[in-house]
Amino acid sequence: MTWIIPAVVGVSAVAGIQQAGAIGKYTQSAFNRKAQIDEQKAEAIENQLTLDLSTFDKKFKQLEGTTVVNTNKSGVIEGSGSSQIIKLSNLFEKEIEKDKMRYNAEIGKARAFESAAFARIEGSIAKQRSQMEQISIVSSAGSSLLSMRG
């Protein structure tokens, strides 16, 4: 009968070790999935930037056409000083807007990649915690078994 208690301690320890390992693997897997989603967000931001720039270029060409028509309607000769100033101003604003779009996209992508990196780190930490818990269970079980014999 004296073998029952050590057997129960041993079985409980094995179950605890398996449970801690499973929890660690699951948590790490969840954080890795979060990291993948964050990386996909960065890709989506890049795709959105491409679409936004394309749409912006299309609207800018429409604006240029409208400006030419309005300039001609007003009697200003295309290529004159006023016409050139308006055209240069529009081109300058175009580049500023495109730079802002690119900058905002880069910031968004950097945040997404940073979030992904932190998720992977959290997953690794969760896995290490589960391993520490497994060691703790083995140590505790060993101490219990030793104290029973003494």
C-alpha atoms as a PDB file:
ATOM      1  CA  MET A   1       0.000   0.000   0.000  1.00  0.00           C
ATOM      2  CA  THR A   2       2.885   2.374   0.595  1.00  0.00           C
ATOM      3  CA  TRP A   3       3.542   2.458  -3.129  1.00  0.00           C
ATOM      4  CA  ILE A   4       0.155   4.067  -3.887  1.00  0.00           C
ATOM      5  CA  ILE A   5       0.998   7.550  -2.613  1.00  0.00           C
ATOM      6  CA  PRO A   6       4.290   7.804  -4.561  1.00  0.00           C
ATOM      7  CA  ALA A   7       2.475   6.495  -7.643  1.00  0.00           C
ATOM      8  CA  VAL A   8      -0.241   9.139  -7.272  1.00  0.00           C
ATOM      9  CA  VAL A   9       2.400  11.848  -6.859  1.00  0.00           C
ATOM     10  CA  GLY A  10       4.216  10.551  -9.932  1.00  0.00           C
ATOM     11  CA  VAL A  11       1.062  10.377 -12.070  1.00  0.00           C
ATOM     12  CA  SER A  12      -0.010  13.845 -10.922  1.00  0.00           C
ATOM     13  CA  ALA A  13       3.428  15.215 -11.761  1.00  0.00           C
ATOM     14  CA  VAL A  14       3.361  13.682 -15.238  1.00  0.00           C
ATOM     15  CA  ALA A  15      -0.125  15.087 -15.854  1.00  0.00           C
ATOM     16  CA  GLY A  16       0.972  18.519 -14.627  1.00  0.00           C
ATOM     17  CA  ILE A  17       4.054  18.460 -16.824  1.00  0.00           C
ATOM     18  CA  GLN A  18       1.983  17.543 -19.878  1.00  0.00           C
ATOM     19  CA  GLN A  19      -0.616  20.194 -19.069  1.00  0.00           C
ATOM     20  CA  ALA A  20       2.016  22.931 -18.610  1.00  0.00           C
ATOM     21  CA  GLY A  21       3.657  21.936 -21.894  1.00  0.00           C
ATOM     22  CA  ALA A  22       0.342  21.963 -23.750  1.00  0.00           C
ATOM     23  CA  ILE A  23      -0.575  25.376 -22.346  1.00  0.00           C
ATOM     24  CA  GLY A  24       2.824  26.764 -23.346  1.00  0.00           C
ATOM     25  CA  LYS A  25       2.571  25.414 -26.883  1.00  0.00           C
ATOM     26  CA  TYR A  26      -0.994  26.678 -27.294  1.00  0.00           C
ATOM     27  CA  THR A  27      -0.146  30.151 -25.998  1.00  0.00           C
ATOM     28  CA  GLN A  28       2.932  30.374 -28.209  1.00  0.00           C
ATOM     29  CA  SER A  29       0.855  29.253 -31.184  1.00  0.00           C
ATOM     30  CA  ALA A  30      -1.764  31.934 -30.443  1.00  0.00           C
ATOM     31  CA  PHE A  31       0.879  34.658 -30.277  1.00  0.00           C
ATOM     32  CA  ASN A  32       2.499  33.404 -33.491  1.00  0.00           C
ATOM     33  CA  ARG A  33      -0.906  33.617 -35.199  1.00  0.00           C
ATOM     34  CA  LYS A  34      -1.275  37.190 -33.946  1.00  0.00           C
ATOM     35  CA  ALA A  35       2.161  37.954 -35.400  1.00  0.00           C
ATOM     36  CA  GLN A  36       1.106  36.560 -38.784  1.00  0.00           C
ATOM     37  CA  ILE A  37      -2.042  38.692 -38.742  1.00  0.00           C
ATOM     38  CA  ASP A  38       0.000  41.796 -37.928  1.00  0.00           C
ATOM     39  CA  GLU A  39       2.355  41.043 -40.815  1.00  0.00           C
ATOM     40  CA  GLN A  40      -0.649  40.643 -43.104  1.00  0.00           C
ATOM     41  CA  LYS A  41      -1.830  44.068 -41.913  1.00  0.00           C
ATOM     42  CA  ALA A  42       1.492  45.518 -43.073  1.00  0.00           C
ATOM     43  CA  GLU A  43       0.999  43.918 -46.472  1.00  0.00           C
ATOM     44  CA  ALA A  44      -2.553  45.273 -46.635  1.00  0.00           C
ATOM     45  CA  ILE A  45      -1.250  48.760 -45.823  1.00  0.00           C
ATOM     46  CA  GLU A  46       1.203  48.513 -48.723  1.00  0.00           C
ATOM     47  CA  ASN A  47      -1.562  47.345 -51.068  1.00  0.00           C
ATOM     48  CA  GLN A  48      -3.818  50.171 -49.870  1.00  0.00           C
ATOM     49  CA  LEU A  49      -1.030  52.682 -50.514  1.00  0.00           C
ATOM     50  CA  THR A  50      -0.684  51.432 -54.096  1.00  0.00           C
ATOM     51  CA  LEU A  51      -4.428  51.781 -54.603  1.00  0.00           C
ATOM     52  CA  ASP A  52      -4.539  55.221 -52.946  1.00  0.00           C
ATOM     53  CA  LEU A  53      -1.664  56.532 -55.074  1.00  0.00           C
ATOM     54  CA  SER A  54      -3.309  55.230 -58.222  1.00  0.00           C
ATOM     55  CA  THR A  55      -6.632  56.831 -57.286  1.00  0.00           C
ATOM     56  CA  PHE A  56      -4.874  60.052 -56.348  1.00  0.00           C
ATOM     57  CA  ASP A  57      -3.055  60.172 -59.702  1.00  0.00           C
ATOM     58  CA  LYS A  58      -6.346  59.678 -61.516  1.00  0.00           C
ATOM     59  CA  LYS A  59      -8.025  62.490 -59.567  1.00  0.00           C
ATOM     60  CA  PHE A  60      -5.011  64.724 -60.089  1.00  0.00           C
ATOM     61  CA  LYS A  61      -5.197  64.254 -63.846  1.00  0.00           C
ATOM     62  CA  GLN A  62      -8.865  65.236 -63.671  1.00  0.00           C
ATOM     63  CA  LEU A  63      -7.892  68.320 -61.654  1.00  0.00           C
ATOM     64  CA  GLU A  64      -5.235  69.218 -64.215  1.00  0.00           C
ATOM     65  CA  GLY A  65      -7.772  68.926 -67.011  1.00  0.00           C
ATOM     66  CA  THR A  66     -10.274  71.068 -65.117  1.00  0.00           C
ATOM     67  CA  THR A  67      -7.565  73.642 -64.407  1.00  0.00           C
ATOM     68  CA  VAL A  68      -6.589  73.837 -68.085  1.00  0.00           C
ATOM     69  CA  VAL A  69     -10.222  74.263 -69.112  1.00  0.00           C
ATOM     70  CA  ASN A  70     -10.853  76.937 -66.476  1.00  0.00           C
ATOM     71  CA  THR A  71      -7.634  78.721 -67.374  1.00  0.00           C
ATOM     72  CA  ASN A  72      -8.575  78.757 -71.057  1.00  0.00           C
ATOM     73  CA  LYS A  73     -12.132  79.880 -70.230  1.00  0.00           C
ATOM     74  CA  SER A  74     -10.797  82.788 -68.219  1.00  0.00           C
ATOM     75  CA  GLY A  75      -8.818  84.003 -71.200  1.00  0.00           C
ATOM     76  CA  VAL A  76      -5.404  83.312 -69.707  1.00  0.00           C
ATOM     77  CA  ILE A  77      -3.026  81.955 -72.298  1.00  0.00           C
ATOM     78  CA  GLU A  78      -1.782  78.481 -71.426  1.00  0.00           C
ATOM     79  CA  GLY A  79       1.941  78.596 -70.768  1.00  0.00           C
ATOM     80  CA  SER A  80       1.767  82.175 -69.493  1.00  0.00           C
ATOM     81  CA  GLY A  81       3.060  83.173 -66.068  1.00  0.00           C
ATOM     82  CA  SER A  82      -0.217  82.691 -64.181  1.00  0.00           C
ATOM     83  CA  SER A  83      -0.899  79.409 -65.887  1.00  0.00           C
ATOM     84  CA  GLN A  84       2.587  78.117 -65.092  1.00  0.00           C
ATOM     85  CA  ILE A  85       2.372  79.240 -61.466  1.00  0.00           C
ATOM     86  CA  ILE A  86      -0.914  77.362 -61.009  1.00  0.00           C
ATOM     87  CA  LYS A  87       0.496  74.268 -62.690  1.00  0.00           C
ATOM     88  CA  LEU A  88       3.687  74.309 -60.586  1.00  0.00           C
ATOM     89  CA  SER A  89       1.697  74.877 -57.417  1.00  0.00           C
ATOM     90  CA  ASN A  90      -0.536  71.905 -58.218  1.00  0.00           C
ATOM     91  CA  LEU A  91       2.463  69.688 -58.966  1.00  0.00           C
ATOM     92  CA  PHE A  92       4.113  70.733 -55.709  1.00  0.00           C
ATOM     93  CA  GLU A  93       0.943  69.947 -53.730  1.00  0.00           C
ATOM     94  CA  LYS A  94       0.656  66.618 -55.556  1.00  0.00           C
ATOM     95  CA  GLU A  95       4.110  65.554 -54.423  1.00  0.00           C
ATOM     96  CA  ILE A  96       3.457  66.676 -50.855  1.00  0.00           C
ATOM     97  CA  GLU A  97       0.233  64.640 -50.720  1.00  0.00           C
ATOM     98  CA  LYS A  98       1.913  61.553 -52.182  1.00  0.00           C
ATOM     99  CA  ASP A  99       4.789  61.874 -49.705  1.00  0.00           C
ATOM    100  CA  LYS A 100       2.292  62.107 -46.828  1.00  0.00           C
ATOM    101  CA  MET A 101       0.520  58.961 -48.056  1.00  0.00           C
ATOM    102  CA  ARG A 102       3.823  57.082 -48.298  1.00  0.00           C
ATOM    103  CA  TYR A 103       4.938  58.312 -44.877  1.00  0.00           C
ATOM    104  CA  ASN A 104       1.668  57.289 -43.215  1.00  0.00           C
ATOM    105  CA  ALA A 105       1.856  53.871 -44.875  1.00  0.00           C
ATOM    106  CA  GLU A 106       5.430  53.378 -43.673  1.00  0.00           C
ATOM    107  CA  ILE A 107       4.423  54.314 -40.122  1.00  0.00           C
ATOM    108  CA  GLY A 108       1.505  51.871 -40.268  1.00  0.00           C
ATOM    109  CA  LYS A 109       3.707  49.088 -41.602  1.00  0.00           C
ATOM    110  CA  ALA A 110       6.362  49.743 -38.958  1.00  0.00           C
ATOM    111  CA  ARG A 111       3.736  49.546 -36.216  1.00  0.00           C
ATOM    112  CA  ALA A 112       2.359  46.298 -37.634  1.00  0.00           C
ATOM    113  CA  PHE A 113       5.828  44.719 -37.830  1.00  0.00           C
ATOM    114  CA  GLU A 114       6.644  45.920 -34.311  1.00  0.00           C
ATOM    115  CA  SER A 115       3.412  44.402 -33.031  1.00  0.00           C
ATOM    116  CA  ALA A 116       4.254  41.141 -34.812  1.00  0.00           C
ATOM    117  CA  ALA A 117       7.721  41.075 -33.257  1.00  0.00           C
ATOM    118  CA  PHE A 118       6.310  41.666 -29.777  1.00  0.00           C
ATOM    119  CA  ALA A 119       3.722  38.911 -30.302  1.00  0.00           C
ATOM    120  CA  ARG A 120       6.501  36.469 -31.187  1.00  0.00           C
ATOM    121  CA  ILE A 121       8.462  37.557 -28.103  1.00  0.00           C
ATOM    122  CA  GLU A 122       5.378  37.060 -25.909  1.00  0.00           C
ATOM    123  CA  GLY A 123       4.934  33.603 -27.432  1.00  0.00           C
ATOM    124  CA  SER A 124       8.522  32.682 -26.646  1.00  0.00           C
ATOM    125  CA  ILE A 125       8.130  33.942 -23.092  1.00  0.00           C
ATOM    126  CA  ALA A 126       4.928  31.901 -22.671  1.00  0.00           C
ATOM    127  CA  LYS A 127       6.758  28.799 -23.882  1.00  0.00           C
ATOM    128  CA  GLN A 128       9.651  29.457 -21.484  1.00  0.00           C
ATOM    129  CA  ARG A 129       7.219  29.964 -18.601  1.00  0.00           C
ATOM    130  CA  SER A 130       5.625  26.608 -19.334  1.00  0.00           C
ATOM    131  CA  GLN A 131       9.047  24.967 -19.331  1.00  0.00           C
ATOM    132  CA  MET A 132       9.828  26.609 -15.991  1.00  0.00           C
ATOM    133  CA  GLU A 133       6.494  25.342 -14.668  1.00  0.00           C
ATOM    134  CA  GLN A 134       7.394  21.850 -15.858  1.00  0.00           C
ATOM    135  CA  ILE A 135      10.719  22.052 -14.008  1.00  0.00           C
ATOM    136  CA  SER A 136       8.911  23.313 -10.920  1.00  0.00           C
ATOM    137  CA  ILE A 137       6.478  20.374 -11.058  1.00  0.00           C
ATOM    138  CA  VAL A 138       9.308  17.854 -11.407  1.00  0.00           C
ATOM    139  CA  SER A 139      11.171  19.495  -8.538  1.00  0.00           C
ATOM    140  CA  SER A 140       8.099  19.550  -6.332  1.00  0.00           C
ATOM    141  CA  ALA A 141       7.271  15.933  -7.099  1.00  0.00           C
ATOM    142  CA  GLY A 142      10.841  14.901  -6.429  1.00  0.00           C
ATOM    143  CA  SER A 143      10.835  16.738  -3.101  1.00  0.00           C
ATOM    144  CA  SER A 144       7.554  15.088  -2.132  1.00  0.00           C
ATOM    145  CA  LEU A 145       8.847  11.655  -3.001  1.00  0.00           C
ATOM    146  CA  LEU A 146      12.076  12.223  -1.094  1.00  0.00           C
ATOM    147  CA  SER A 147      10.245  13.463   1.986  1.00  0.00           C
ATOM    148  CA  MET A 148       8.033  10.334   1.957  1.00  0.00           C
ATOM    149  CA  ARG A 149      11.031   8.060   2.078  1.00  0.00           C
ATOM    150  CA  GLY A 150      12.816   9.982   4.796  1.00  0.00           C
END
